[in-house]
């Protein structure tokens, strides 16, 4: 027994020492965090987990820091673990629920909100969230119960009663729905909105006569009442009065008193009722133009009009103008930013691509596509250091749901920049990373293979990759040139010749070879070198002279020597980046 006691005391002593160390480092970490020393705080919280891997506080704080570093999945994992270890601590539960709600993960947030409600029953904000989530999930009774509890806390409010009314109607409980709307009419007799809802209640039950009776009462008191006019639209549809429906709808649309959300609803209804007849499409377009003129800054209307224009195959310049107006109102609007990027890419408008991508990188740093296109534009302008920084930042900050093909293209483009800067090993690592994310990235394989051949490195790997590119795109002359050149570098001159003749056909006129955008001086030099090694010296000299005459930026000093001396000389051939492809 004495031995057991000693062992127990030793264990307690060790535990006490560990707890003391943990408390000390938690305090130090918290002080560092409060002082803005994030790096030190991160290291200290990490050390806390080395002392006790089940420290809820350390896990929670590290989770928040990972979110700050935009490593959302890691951050969520840490925060979930802190909640599991201390399930009664609202300080841990509430931030996790808030993050999940921001991400649109209502299913995951729901049990956390329910737990908060258990621990802190008098939380109006939590009950409001719960009622909304329950309603969207179709759990209507739970939504009503949450509203009932909210009503106990806040008192009877028209908004809550209206929500309960709508939920009861969805459930088919007309008795409870009537009780809610009747109580509102009794409590707020001067509020015509509730009487309009009473009319709509009867209309939904199919009693159009009773509904019209109530609507007429409201009209006598306020003929221009917008909620009444909106309700009358449903009445006209029910009784088949199409002309009155259209005239009333247009009157509401063009009224200065109509709220934007109601205009949006009416436009949506128009589109839903629209036929494929061109005249009908034109009528809706006409109304869009008038409404936009009245409400020119509303993002929802602008966006809806843009979608309609695209659907009706009207000039995309109008959509561009609308999206620019959206960005003027909401500079961080991602849909408008993405649409404009696509528009400018289709037109190879480099200046506009750069402008919209800089905006995208600023407001949406986790969207790799903006960094990719911006980096490509910078490469075109030979701003390689800046391009490299953009690629690296984009890849580091990319979201977890970024398409693998985009990640692959970004790594490949980064590899091209590293090669341009003479950092060959870094370039090869980038290319390998690109092919991990997309093993069929043919542009990457072409560049990788060509650059290996220029440095006479790993030619077997280069040949294998290049062959895959021409199998994928057998008519791509850039890829055919790369493959022919690799065969040349391996001494396979006769094998290289037929591939090169697909790039530079022997029957091509001088005019064609001089004006063809793909027949660069490098390619002409390649063709000449292969022709020489295959014994066709006259044709080789002709191609070298054409390459000199072509005189683009990729022409090499060795080329001029070969053309002048009319003889093949072995030497370094310049690399080239394939033309920018969007």
Protein backbone atom coordinates (compact mmCIF):
# COMPACT_ATOMS: atom_id res chain seq x y z
CA UNK A 1 0.00 0.00 0.00
CA UNK A 2 2.82 2.38 0.92
CA UNK A 3 4.45 1.81 -2.49
CA UNK A 4 1.14 2.52 -4.23
CA UNK A 5 0.75 5.71 -2.20
CA UNK A 6 4.24 6.87 -3.16
CA UNK A 7 3.59 6.19 -6.83
CA UNK A 8 0.30 8.09 -6.64
CA UNK A 9 1.94 11.06 -4.96
CA UNK A 10 4.71 11.09 -7.58
CA UNK A 11 2.11 11.09 -10.37
CA UNK A 12 0.21 13.93 -8.72
CA UNK A 13 3.43 15.86 -8.33
CA UNK A 14 4.31 15.38 -12.00
CA UNK A 15 0.79 16.42 -13.00
CA UNK A 16 1.03 19.53 -10.85
CA UNK A 17 4.36 20.50 -12.41
CA UNK A 18 3.00 19.97 -15.95
CA UNK A 19 -0.10 22.04 -15.15
CA UNK A 20 2.04 24.82 -13.72
CA UNK A 21 4.20 24.86 -16.87
CA UNK A 22 1.10 24.83 -19.07
CA UNK A 23 -0.49 27.74 -17.16
CA UNK A 24 2.73 29.72 -17.41
CA UNK A 25 3.08 29.30 -21.18
CA UNK A 26 -0.64 29.92 -21.77
CA UNK A 27 -0.29 33.22 -19.92
CA UNK A 28 2.81 34.14 -21.90
CA UNK A 29 1.10 33.21 -25.17
CA UNK A 30 -1.99 35.27 -24.34
CA UNK A 31 0.11 38.30 -23.42
CA UNK A 32 2.02 38.00 -26.70
CA UNK A 33 -1.24 37.74 -28.64
CA UNK A 34 -2.70 40.79 -26.88
CA UNK A 35 0.46 42.75 -27.75
CA UNK A 36 0.19 41.78 -31.41
CA UNK A 37 3.24 39.48 -31.31
CA UNK A 38 1.51 36.84 -33.42
CA UNK A 39 4.55 34.77 -34.34
CA UNK A 40 5.67 34.45 -30.71
CA UNK A 41 2.13 33.68 -29.57
CA UNK A 42 1.82 30.96 -32.22
CA UNK A 43 5.05 29.31 -31.05
CA UNK A 44 4.02 29.51 -27.38
CA UNK A 45 0.55 28.00 -27.98
CA UNK A 46 2.21 25.24 -30.01
CA UNK A 47 4.54 24.60 -27.08
CA UNK A 48 1.49 24.38 -24.81
CA UNK A 49 0.21 21.49 -26.94
CA UNK A 50 3.56 19.77 -26.52
CA UNK A 51 2.98 19.93 -22.75
CA UNK A 52 -0.69 18.96 -23.00
CA UNK A 53 -2.09 17.96 -26.39
CA UNK A 54 -5.62 18.29 -24.97
CA UNK A 55 -5.43 21.92 -23.87
CA UNK A 56 -8.71 23.48 -25.10
CA UNK A 57 -7.37 27.03 -24.84
CA UNK A 58 -4.23 26.31 -26.84
CA UNK A 59 -6.23 24.44 -29.48
CA UNK A 60 -8.79 27.23 -29.74
CA UNK A 61 -6.26 30.04 -30.06
CA UNK A 62 -4.17 28.15 -32.61
CA UNK A 63 -7.37 27.47 -34.58
CA UNK A 64 -8.09 31.22 -34.72
CA UNK A 65 -4.52 31.88 -35.84
CA UNK A 66 -4.75 29.32 -38.63
CA UNK A 67 -7.83 31.14 -39.87
CA UNK A 68 -5.82 34.35 -39.82
CA UNK A 69 -3.26 32.53 -42.00
CA UNK A 70 -6.12 31.44 -44.31
CA UNK A 71 -5.63 27.77 -43.49
CA UNK A 72 -9.34 27.26 -42.86
CA UNK A 73 -9.45 23.46 -42.67
CA UNK A 74 -6.66 23.31 -40.09
CA UNK A 75 -8.26 26.12 -38.12
CA UNK A 76 -11.63 24.34 -38.05
CA UNK A 77 -10.01 21.10 -36.91
CA UNK A 78 -8.32 22.81 -33.98
CA UNK A 79 -11.46 24.69 -32.95
CA UNK A 80 -13.64 21.58 -33.19
CA UNK A 81 -11.21 19.77 -30.90
CA UNK A 82 -11.36 22.60 -28.35
CA UNK A 83 -15.18 22.41 -28.33
CA UNK A 84 -15.11 18.61 -27.94
CA UNK A 85 -12.82 18.95 -24.92
CA UNK A 86 -14.82 21.76 -23.32
CA UNK A 87 -18.37 21.50 -24.64
CA UNK A 88 -19.81 23.96 -22.10
CA UNK A 89 -17.55 26.86 -22.99
CA UNK A 90 -19.53 29.33 -25.10
CA UNK A 91 -16.28 31.26 -25.61
CA UNK A 92 -15.12 28.35 -27.82
CA UNK A 93 -18.47 27.38 -29.32
CA UNK A 94 -19.71 30.79 -30.51
CA UNK A 95 -16.74 31.78 -32.74
CA UNK A 96 -16.80 28.34 -34.36
CA UNK A 97 -20.54 28.68 -35.07
CA UNK A 98 -20.00 32.19 -36.48
CA UNK A 99 -17.27 30.95 -38.86
CA UNK A 100 -19.47 28.11 -40.09
CA UNK A 101 -22.38 30.49 -40.70
CA UNK A 102 -20.11 32.84 -42.69
CA UNK A 103 -19.03 29.88 -44.81
CA UNK A 104 -22.66 28.89 -45.43
CA UNK A 105 -22.32 25.65 -43.45
CA UNK A 106 -25.66 25.89 -41.65
CA UNK A 107 -25.96 22.13 -41.05
CA UNK A 108 -22.65 22.13 -39.16
CA UNK A 109 -23.46 25.36 -37.29
CA UNK A 110 -26.92 24.19 -36.15
CA UNK A 111 -25.89 21.84 -33.28
CA UNK A 112 -23.48 24.52 -32.01
CA UNK A 113 -26.25 27.13 -31.96
CA UNK A 114 -28.55 24.66 -30.21
CA UNK A 115 -25.83 24.07 -27.61
CA UNK A 116 -25.45 27.82 -27.04
CA UNK A 117 -29.22 28.06 -26.63
CA UNK A 118 -29.09 25.32 -23.98
CA UNK A 119 -26.31 27.08 -22.10
CA UNK A 120 -27.61 30.64 -22.55
CA UNK A 121 -31.34 30.37 -23.16
CA UNK A 122 -31.98 34.10 -23.25
CA UNK A 123 -30.09 34.82 -26.49
CA UNK A 124 -32.32 36.56 -29.01
CA UNK A 125 -29.64 36.51 -31.72
CA UNK A 126 -29.21 32.73 -31.37
CA UNK A 127 -32.96 32.07 -31.46
CA UNK A 128 -33.29 34.24 -34.57
CA UNK A 129 -30.54 32.24 -36.32
CA UNK A 130 -32.16 28.98 -35.23
CA UNK A 131 -35.59 29.93 -36.56
CA UNK A 132 -34.14 30.93 -39.95
CA UNK A 133 -32.09 27.73 -40.27
CA UNK A 134 -34.98 25.51 -39.19
CA UNK A 135 -37.26 27.20 -41.75
CA UNK A 136 -34.74 26.71 -44.60
CA UNK A 137 -34.33 23.07 -43.58
CA UNK A 138 -38.09 22.51 -43.64
CA UNK A 139 -38.29 21.98 -39.87
CA UNK A 140 -41.22 24.36 -39.62
CA UNK A 141 -42.46 23.37 -36.16
CA UNK A 142 -38.98 23.87 -34.72
CA UNK A 143 -38.82 27.26 -36.45
CA UNK A 144 -42.14 28.31 -34.87
CA UNK A 145 -41.01 27.11 -31.43
CA UNK A 146 -37.85 29.23 -31.75
CA UNK A 147 -39.98 32.26 -32.71
CA UNK A 148 -42.29 31.61 -29.75
CA UNK A 149 -39.30 31.64 -27.39
CA UNK A 150 -38.03 34.80 -29.08
CA UNK A 151 -41.45 36.41 -28.63
CA UNK A 152 -41.31 35.65 -24.89
CA UNK A 153 -37.98 37.49 -24.67
CA UNK A 154 -38.71 40.43 -27.00
CA UNK A 155 -42.47 40.80 -26.69
CA UNK A 156 -45.00 40.61 -29.52
CA UNK A 157 -43.66 42.14 -32.73
CA UNK A 158 -45.24 42.34 -36.15
CA UNK A 159 -42.16 40.87 -37.85
CA UNK A 160 -42.25 37.75 -35.66
CA UNK A 161 -45.99 37.31 -36.13
CA UNK A 162 -45.64 37.69 -39.90
CA UNK A 163 -42.91 35.04 -39.92
CA UNK A 164 -45.10 32.71 -37.87
CA UNK A 165 -48.04 33.44 -40.20
CA UNK A 166 -46.01 32.43 -43.26
CA UNK A 167 -44.71 29.28 -41.54
CA UNK A 168 -48.23 28.23 -40.52
CA UNK A 169 -49.41 28.74 -44.11
CA UNK A 170 -46.54 26.56 -45.36
CA UNK A 171 -47.60 23.88 -42.87
CA UNK A 172 -51.21 24.11 -44.03
CA UNK A 173 -52.33 25.16 -40.55
CA UNK A 174 -54.80 27.82 -41.66
CA UNK A 175 -56.38 28.12 -38.19
CA UNK A 176 -53.11 29.11 -36.50
CA UNK A 177 -52.19 31.32 -39.46
CA UNK A 178 -55.51 33.18 -39.18
CA UNK A 179 -55.00 33.65 -35.43
CA UNK A 180 -51.59 35.25 -36.04
CA UNK A 181 -52.75 37.64 -38.73
CA UNK A 182 -55.96 38.51 -36.84
CA UNK A 183 -53.94 39.34 -33.72
CA UNK A 184 -51.79 41.72 -35.78
CA UNK A 185 -54.85 43.43 -37.27
CA UNK A 186 -56.34 43.84 -33.80
CA UNK A 187 -53.11 45.15 -32.24
CA UNK A 188 -52.15 47.46 -35.13
CA UNK A 189 -55.48 48.58 -36.67
CA UNK A 190 -53.89 51.53 -38.45
CA UNK A 191 -51.26 49.39 -40.19
CA UNK A 192 -52.72 48.57 -43.61
CA UNK A 193 -49.95 46.05 -44.30
CA UNK A 194 -51.53 43.55 -41.90
CA UNK A 195 -54.95 43.97 -43.50
CA UNK A 196 -53.42 43.35 -46.92
CA UNK A 197 -51.91 40.14 -45.50
CA UNK A 198 -55.37 39.19 -44.22
CA UNK A 199 -56.69 39.55 -47.78
CA UNK A 200 -53.79 37.46 -49.11
CA UNK A 201 -54.66 34.83 -46.49
CA UNK A 202 -58.14 34.45 -47.96
CA UNK A 203 -56.71 34.49 -51.48
CA UNK A 204 -54.41 31.58 -50.63
CA UNK A 205 -57.44 29.69 -49.32
CA UNK A 206 -59.13 30.25 -52.72
CA UNK A 207 -61.67 32.78 -51.40
CA UNK A 208 -61.07 35.55 -53.97
CA UNK A 209 -64.32 37.39 -53.13
CA UNK A 210 -63.42 37.83 -49.46
CA UNK A 211 -59.89 38.80 -50.45
CA UNK A 212 -61.19 41.48 -52.86
CA UNK A 213 -63.51 42.83 -50.16
CA UNK A 214 -60.56 43.42 -47.82
CA UNK A 215 -58.39 44.82 -50.65
CA UNK A 216 -61.16 47.32 -51.55
CA UNK A 217 -61.29 48.50 -47.92
CA UNK A 218 -57.54 49.16 -48.00
CA UNK A 219 -57.76 50.88 -51.42
CA UNK A 220 -60.34 53.33 -50.11
CA UNK A 221 -57.94 54.36 -47.34
CA UNK A 222 -54.73 54.36 -49.43
CA UNK A 223 -55.14 53.95 -53.22
CA UNK A 224 -51.35 54.03 -53.84
CA UNK A 225 -50.48 51.42 -51.22
CA UNK A 226 -47.63 49.34 -52.77
CA UNK A 227 -48.22 46.13 -50.72
CA UNK A 228 -51.87 46.30 -51.82
CA UNK A 229 -50.90 46.67 -55.47
CA UNK A 230 -48.49 43.71 -55.15
CA UNK A 231 -51.27 41.62 -53.61
CA UNK A 232 -53.67 42.62 -56.38
CA UNK A 233 -51.28 41.09 -58.91
CA UNK A 234 -51.87 37.67 -57.34
CA UNK A 235 -55.62 38.38 -57.38
CA UNK A 236 -55.59 39.30 -61.12
CA UNK A 237 -53.68 36.11 -61.93
CA UNK A 238 -56.18 34.02 -59.96
CA UNK A 239 -59.25 35.53 -61.67
CA UNK A 240 -57.60 35.65 -65.12
CA UNK A 241 -57.46 39.42 -65.64
CA UNK A 242 -54.20 39.55 -67.59
CA UNK A 243 -54.50 43.12 -68.87
CA UNK A 244 -55.11 44.48 -65.37
CA UNK A 245 -52.18 42.38 -64.13
CA UNK A 246 -49.80 43.89 -66.69
CA UNK A 247 -50.93 47.51 -66.22
CA UNK A 248 -50.74 47.22 -62.41
CA UNK A 249 -47.36 45.53 -62.59
CA UNK A 250 -45.93 48.31 -64.79
CA UNK A 251 -47.42 50.94 -62.52
CA UNK A 252 -45.61 49.40 -59.53
CA UNK A 253 -42.37 48.98 -61.49
CA UNK A 254 -42.18 52.63 -62.49
CA UNK A 255 -43.42 54.14 -59.23
CA UNK A 256 -40.83 56.19 -57.34
CA UNK A 257 -42.29 54.81 -54.08
CA UNK A 258 -41.61 51.16 -54.95
CA UNK A 259 -38.81 49.57 -52.97
CA UNK A 260 -36.03 47.90 -54.92
CA UNK A 261 -36.69 44.40 -53.56
CA UNK A 262 -40.23 44.58 -54.92
CA UNK A 263 -38.97 45.65 -58.34
CA UNK A 264 -36.63 42.65 -58.28
CA UNK A 265 -39.54 40.30 -57.46
CA UNK A 266 -41.66 41.72 -60.28
CA UNK A 267 -38.88 41.43 -62.83
CA UNK A 268 -38.30 37.83 -61.75
CA UNK A 269 -42.00 37.09 -62.25
CA UNK A 270 -41.88 38.66 -65.71
CA UNK A 271 -38.96 36.46 -66.72
CA UNK A 272 -40.69 33.35 -65.36
CA UNK A 273 -43.84 34.14 -67.42
CA UNK A 274 -41.80 35.09 -70.51
CA UNK A 275 -42.31 33.18 -73.72
CA UNK A 276 -39.64 32.51 -76.32
CA UNK A 277 -41.28 35.03 -78.64
CA UNK A 278 -38.82 37.77 -79.62
CA UNK A 279 -41.44 40.46 -79.04
CA UNK A 280 -41.90 39.25 -75.47
CA UNK A 281 -38.12 39.33 -74.90
CA UNK A 282 -38.00 42.86 -76.29
CA UNK A 283 -40.82 44.00 -73.98
CA UNK A 284 -38.95 42.70 -70.93
CA UNK A 285 -35.74 44.37 -72.13
CA UNK A 286 -37.61 47.67 -72.49
CA UNK A 287 -38.89 47.41 -68.91
CA UNK A 288 -35.43 46.52 -67.65
CA UNK A 289 -34.03 49.68 -69.24
CA UNK A 290 -36.70 51.86 -67.64
CA UNK A 291 -36.27 50.27 -64.21
CA UNK A 292 -32.46 50.53 -64.36
CA UNK A 293 -32.86 54.21 -65.22
CA UNK A 294 -34.99 54.66 -62.09
CA UNK A 295 -32.79 52.52 -59.85
CA UNK A 296 -29.35 52.71 -61.44
CA UNK A 297 -27.24 51.72 -58.44
CA UNK A 298 -29.01 48.58 -57.27
CA UNK A 299 -26.69 45.61 -57.59
CA UNK A 300 -29.46 43.00 -57.71
CA UNK A 301 -31.19 44.73 -60.61
CA UNK A 302 -27.95 45.30 -62.49
CA UNK A 303 -26.94 41.67 -62.05
CA UNK A 304 -30.34 40.37 -63.10
CA UNK A 305 -30.31 42.55 -66.21
CA UNK A 306 -26.84 41.27 -67.11
CA UNK A 307 -28.06 37.67 -66.80
CA UNK A 308 -31.07 38.47 -68.98
CA UNK A 309 -28.87 40.06 -71.66
CA UNK A 310 -26.65 36.99 -71.73
CA UNK A 311 -29.71 34.73 -71.95
CA UNK A 312 -31.20 36.77 -74.80
CA UNK A 313 -27.80 36.78 -76.62
CA UNK A 314 -27.51 40.55 -76.78
CA UNK A 315 -24.15 42.35 -77.17
CA UNK A 316 -21.83 41.54 -74.29
CA UNK A 317 -20.58 45.12 -74.18
CA UNK A 318 -23.80 45.97 -72.35
CA UNK A 319 -23.05 43.30 -69.74
CA UNK A 320 -19.55 44.72 -69.34
CA UNK A 321 -20.97 48.18 -68.65
CA UNK A 322 -23.44 46.73 -66.12
CA UNK A 323 -20.72 44.78 -64.31
CA UNK A 324 -18.55 47.90 -64.12
CA UNK A 325 -21.50 49.69 -62.51
CA UNK A 326 -21.84 46.79 -60.06
CA UNK A 327 -18.18 47.14 -59.07
CA UNK A 328 -18.67 50.88 -58.62
CA UNK A 329 -21.26 50.03 -55.95
CA UNK A 330 -19.59 46.91 -54.56
CA UNK A 331 -15.84 46.88 -55.29
CA UNK A 332 -15.55 43.37 -53.84
CA UNK A 333 -18.39 41.84 -55.89
CA UNK A 334 -16.84 38.56 -57.00
CA UNK A 335 -19.39 37.64 -59.66
CA UNK A 336 -18.82 40.93 -61.49
CA UNK A 337 -15.05 40.58 -61.14
CA UNK A 338 -15.07 37.05 -62.59
CA UNK A 339 -17.39 37.97 -65.44
CA UNK A 340 -15.21 40.94 -66.44
CA UNK A 341 -12.09 38.79 -66.29
CA UNK A 342 -13.67 36.30 -68.68
CA UNK A 343 -14.81 39.13 -70.97
CA UNK A 344 -11.34 40.72 -71.17
CA UNK A 345 -9.57 37.36 -71.59
CA UNK A 346 -11.81 36.50 -74.55
CA UNK A 347 -10.71 39.77 -76.17
CA UNK A 348 -7.04 39.53 -75.06
CA UNK A 349 -7.35 43.02 -73.60
CA UNK A 350 -4.15 42.82 -71.55
CA UNK A 351 -4.45 46.23 -69.89
CA UNK A 352 -7.97 45.50 -68.66
CA UNK A 353 -7.00 41.97 -67.61
CA UNK A 354 -4.23 43.42 -65.45
CA UNK A 355 -6.57 46.01 -63.92
CA UNK A 356 -9.35 43.53 -63.06
CA UNK A 357 -6.88 40.94 -61.76
CA UNK A 358 -5.22 43.46 -59.45
CA UNK A 359 -8.66 44.18 -58.09
CA UNK A 360 -9.34 40.44 -57.75
CA UNK A 361 -6.03 39.78 -55.98
CA UNK A 362 -6.80 42.60 -53.56
CA UNK A 363 -10.40 41.66 -52.72
CA UNK A 364 -10.28 37.88 -53.29
CA UNK A 365 -6.75 36.72 -52.45
CA UNK A 366 -7.82 33.07 -52.11
CA UNK A 367 -9.02 32.93 -55.73
CA UNK A 368 -5.88 31.72 -57.54
CA UNK A 369 -7.24 32.56 -61.00
CA UNK A 370 -6.63 36.29 -60.51
CA UNK A 371 -3.02 35.74 -59.44
CA UNK A 372 -2.47 33.40 -62.39
CA UNK A 373 -3.68 35.81 -65.06
CA UNK A 374 -1.99 38.80 -63.44
CA UNK A 375 1.29 36.89 -63.33
CA UNK A 376 0.94 35.96 -67.01
CA UNK A 377 0.39 39.60 -67.96
CA UNK A 378 3.46 40.63 -65.97
CA UNK A 379 5.46 37.94 -67.79
CA UNK A 380 4.32 39.39 -71.10
CA UNK A 381 5.67 42.74 -69.90
CA UNK A 382 8.92 41.05 -68.77
CA UNK A 383 8.30 41.96 -65.12
CA UNK A 384 9.51 38.55 -64.01
CA UNK A 385 10.32 39.29 -60.36
CA UNK A 386 6.90 40.82 -59.78
CA UNK A 387 5.23 37.94 -61.65
CA UNK A 388 7.07 35.41 -59.50
CA UNK A 389 5.93 37.15 -56.30
CA UNK A 390 2.32 37.15 -57.54
CA UNK A 391 2.41 33.44 -58.44
CA UNK A 392 3.95 32.52 -55.07
CA UNK A 393 1.42 34.59 -53.12
CA UNK A 394 -1.50 33.17 -55.07
CA UNK A 395 -0.39 29.57 -54.59
CA UNK A 396 0.25 30.15 -50.89
CA UNK A 397 -3.12 31.76 -50.23
CA UNK A 398 -5.31 29.66 -52.55
CA UNK A 399 -8.52 28.21 -51.18
CA UNK A 400 -8.87 24.48 -50.63
CA UNK A 401 -11.50 24.12 -53.34
CA UNK A 402 -9.29 25.64 -56.06
CA UNK A 403 -9.45 23.52 -59.20
CA UNK A 404 -6.39 21.32 -59.63
CA UNK A 405 -6.00 22.42 -63.24
CA UNK A 406 -5.65 26.06 -62.15
CA UNK A 407 -3.07 25.12 -59.51
CA UNK A 408 -1.16 23.18 -62.14
CA UNK A 409 -1.16 26.11 -64.57
CA UNK A 410 0.06 28.47 -61.85
CA UNK A 411 2.96 26.17 -60.91
CA UNK A 412 3.85 25.76 -64.59
CA UNK A 413 3.82 29.54 -65.16
CA UNK A 414 5.96 29.99 -62.05
CA UNK A 415 8.39 27.42 -63.50
CA UNK A 416 8.63 29.41 -66.74
CA UNK A 417 9.55 32.52 -64.76
CA UNK A 418 12.19 30.68 -62.74
CA UNK A 419 13.71 29.41 -65.99
CA UNK A 420 13.75 32.91 -67.46
CA UNK A 421 15.61 34.08 -64.36
CA UNK A 422 18.16 31.30 -64.70
CA UNK A 423 16.91 29.36 -61.66
CA UNK A 424 16.75 26.02 -63.43
CA UNK A 425 16.37 23.67 -60.47
CA UNK A 426 13.54 25.78 -59.05
CA UNK A 427 11.90 25.71 -62.47
CA UNK A 428 12.07 21.91 -62.65
CA UNK A 429 10.56 21.61 -59.17
CA UNK A 430 7.69 23.87 -60.21
CA UNK A 431 7.07 21.82 -63.35
CA UNK A 432 7.04 18.61 -61.31
CA UNK A 433 4.53 20.19 -58.92
CA UNK A 434 2.37 21.28 -61.86
CA UNK A 435 2.26 17.72 -63.20
CA UNK A 436 1.31 16.38 -59.77
CA UNK A 437 -1.85 18.49 -59.89
CA UNK A 438 -2.55 17.78 -63.57
CA UNK A 439 -0.55 15.05 -65.25
CA UNK A 440 -2.11 16.00 -68.60
CA UNK A 441 -0.91 19.63 -68.58
CA UNK A 442 0.49 19.59 -72.09
CA UNK A 443 1.77 23.19 -72.13
CA UNK A 444 3.76 22.47 -68.98
CA UNK A 445 5.12 19.23 -70.41
CA UNK A 446 6.16 21.01 -73.61
CA UNK A 447 8.03 23.79 -71.83
CA UNK A 448 9.60 21.39 -69.34
CA UNK A 449 10.76 19.06 -72.09
CA UNK A 450 12.11 21.88 -74.26
CA UNK A 451 14.08 23.49 -71.47
CA UNK A 452 15.59 20.15 -70.48
CA UNK A 453 16.71 19.73 -74.10
CA UNK A 454 18.27 23.20 -74.20
CA UNK A 455 20.43 22.26 -71.24
CA UNK A 456 20.99 18.73 -72.57
CA UNK A 457 19.58 17.28 -69.34
CA UNK A 458 17.47 14.17 -68.82
CA UNK A 459 16.63 13.84 -72.52
CA UNK A 460 14.79 10.56 -72.02
CA UNK A 461 12.34 12.27 -69.67
CA UNK A 462 12.10 15.19 -72.08
CA UNK A 463 11.30 12.89 -75.00
CA UNK A 464 8.63 11.00 -73.03
CA UNK A 465 6.86 14.22 -71.99
CA UNK A 466 7.10 15.77 -75.43
CA UNK A 467 5.69 12.66 -77.10
CA UNK A 468 2.66 12.87 -74.81
CA UNK A 469 2.04 16.45 -75.96
CA UNK A 470 1.95 15.57 -79.65
CA UNK A 471 -0.30 12.59 -78.96
CA UNK A 472 -2.68 14.97 -77.18
CA UNK A 473 -2.44 17.73 -79.83
CA UNK A 474 -0.99 16.22 -83.03
CA UNK A 475 -1.43 19.44 -85.04
CA UNK A 476 0.21 21.79 -82.53
CA UNK A 477 3.31 23.06 -84.38
CA UNK A 478 5.00 24.36 -81.21
CA UNK A 479 4.77 20.92 -79.62
CA UNK A 480 5.90 19.20 -82.84
CA UNK A 481 8.94 21.49 -82.99
CA UNK A 482 9.84 20.63 -79.38
CA UNK A 483 9.61 16.90 -80.08
CA UNK A 484 11.65 17.16 -83.28
CA UNK A 485 14.30 19.20 -81.49
CA UNK A 486 14.60 16.69 -78.63
CA UNK A 487 15.08 13.89 -81.19
CA UNK A 488 17.75 16.05 -82.84
CA UNK A 489 19.52 16.54 -79.50
CA UNK A 490 19.53 12.76 -79.06
CA UNK A 491 21.08 12.32 -82.50
CA UNK A 492 17.89 10.85 -84.01
CA UNK A 493 18.03 13.09 -87.09
CA UNK A 494 16.06 10.92 -89.48
CA UNK A 495 13.30 10.42 -86.88
CA UNK A 496 13.15 14.16 -86.23
CA UNK A 497 12.77 15.16 -89.90
CA UNK A 498 9.13 14.10 -90.57
CA UNK A 499 7.94 15.86 -87.41
CA UNK A 500 9.80 19.04 -88.36
CA UNK A 501 8.34 18.94 -91.85
CA UNK A 502 4.87 19.16 -90.25
CA UNK A 503 6.05 22.39 -88.61
CA UNK A 504 7.88 23.78 -91.66
CA UNK A 505 6.45 22.07 -94.75
CA UNK A 506 9.00 21.80 -97.59
CA UNK A 507 6.50 23.20 -100.09
CA UNK A 508 5.92 26.35 -98.01
CA UNK A 509 6.47 29.63 -99.83
CA UNK A 510 8.90 32.18 -98.51
CA UNK A 511 5.99 34.58 -98.02
CA UNK A 512 4.18 32.05 -95.82
CA UNK A 513 7.26 31.33 -93.70
CA UNK A 514 7.96 35.03 -93.25
CA UNK A 515 4.41 35.93 -92.22
CA UNK A 516 3.29 32.85 -90.27
CA UNK A 517 3.11 33.81 -86.58
CA UNK A 518 4.22 30.36 -85.43
CA UNK A 519 7.23 30.04 -87.73
CA UNK A 520 9.72 31.94 -85.55
CA UNK A 521 13.42 32.32 -86.24
CA UNK A 522 14.09 29.61 -83.61
CA UNK A 523 11.84 27.13 -85.38
CA UNK A 524 13.37 27.95 -88.77
CA UNK A 525 16.83 27.45 -87.26
CA UNK A 526 15.73 24.10 -85.84
CA UNK A 527 14.41 23.05 -89.25
CA UNK A 528 17.70 24.08 -90.88
CA UNK A 529 19.80 22.16 -88.32
CA UNK A 530 17.75 18.98 -88.85
CA UNK A 531 17.90 19.36 -92.66
CA UNK A 532 21.70 19.74 -92.50
CA UNK A 533 22.13 16.61 -90.41
CA UNK A 534 19.89 14.72 -92.83
CA UNK A 535 22.18 15.68 -95.73
CA UNK A 536 20.10 18.48 -97.29
CA UNK A 537 22.65 21.30 -96.93
CA UNK A 538 21.17 23.66 -99.53
CA UNK A 539 17.73 23.55 -97.90
CA UNK A 540 19.35 24.01 -94.48
CA UNK A 541 21.17 27.18 -95.59
CA UNK A 542 17.93 28.48 -97.14
CA UNK A 543 16.12 28.02 -93.81
CA UNK A 544 18.92 29.66 -91.81
CA UNK A 545 18.89 32.66 -94.15
CA UNK A 546 15.12 32.91 -93.75
CA UNK A 547 15.53 32.75 -89.99
CA UNK A 548 18.01 35.67 -90.13
CA UNK A 549 15.68 37.55 -92.43
CA UNK A 550 12.80 36.89 -90.05
CA UNK A 551 14.98 38.52 -87.37
CA UNK A 552 12.77 38.19 -84.28
CA UNK A 553 14.04 38.53 -80.74
CA UNK A 554 14.88 34.85 -80.39
CA UNK A 555 17.49 34.78 -83.15
CA UNK A 556 20.88 33.56 -81.85
CA UNK A 557 24.47 34.67 -82.68
CA UNK A 558 25.15 31.11 -83.82
CA UNK A 559 22.33 31.44 -86.34
CA UNK A 560 24.02 34.40 -88.02
CA UNK A 561 27.30 32.44 -88.17
CA UNK A 562 25.60 29.43 -89.79
CA UNK A 563 23.81 31.61 -92.34
CA UNK A 564 26.98 33.58 -93.20
CA UNK A 565 29.38 30.62 -93.38
CA UNK A 566 26.71 28.34 -94.92
CA UNK A 567 27.76 25.62 -92.55
CA UNK A 568 26.37 23.97 -89.42
CA UNK A 569 28.01 24.96 -86.15
CA UNK A 570 27.08 23.41 -82.87
CA UNK A 571 26.16 25.95 -80.25
CA UNK A 572 23.59 27.09 -77.74
CA UNK A 573 20.08 27.70 -79.00
CA UNK A 574 17.96 30.28 -77.20
CA UNK A 575 14.94 29.19 -75.27
CA UNK A 576 11.56 30.68 -75.88
CA UNK A 577 8.28 30.87 -74.09
CA UNK A 578 5.30 29.83 -76.19
CA UNK A 579 3.02 32.75 -76.97
CA UNK A 580 0.60 33.70 -74.22
CA UNK A 581 -2.56 31.64 -74.48
CA UNK A 582 -5.74 32.60 -72.62
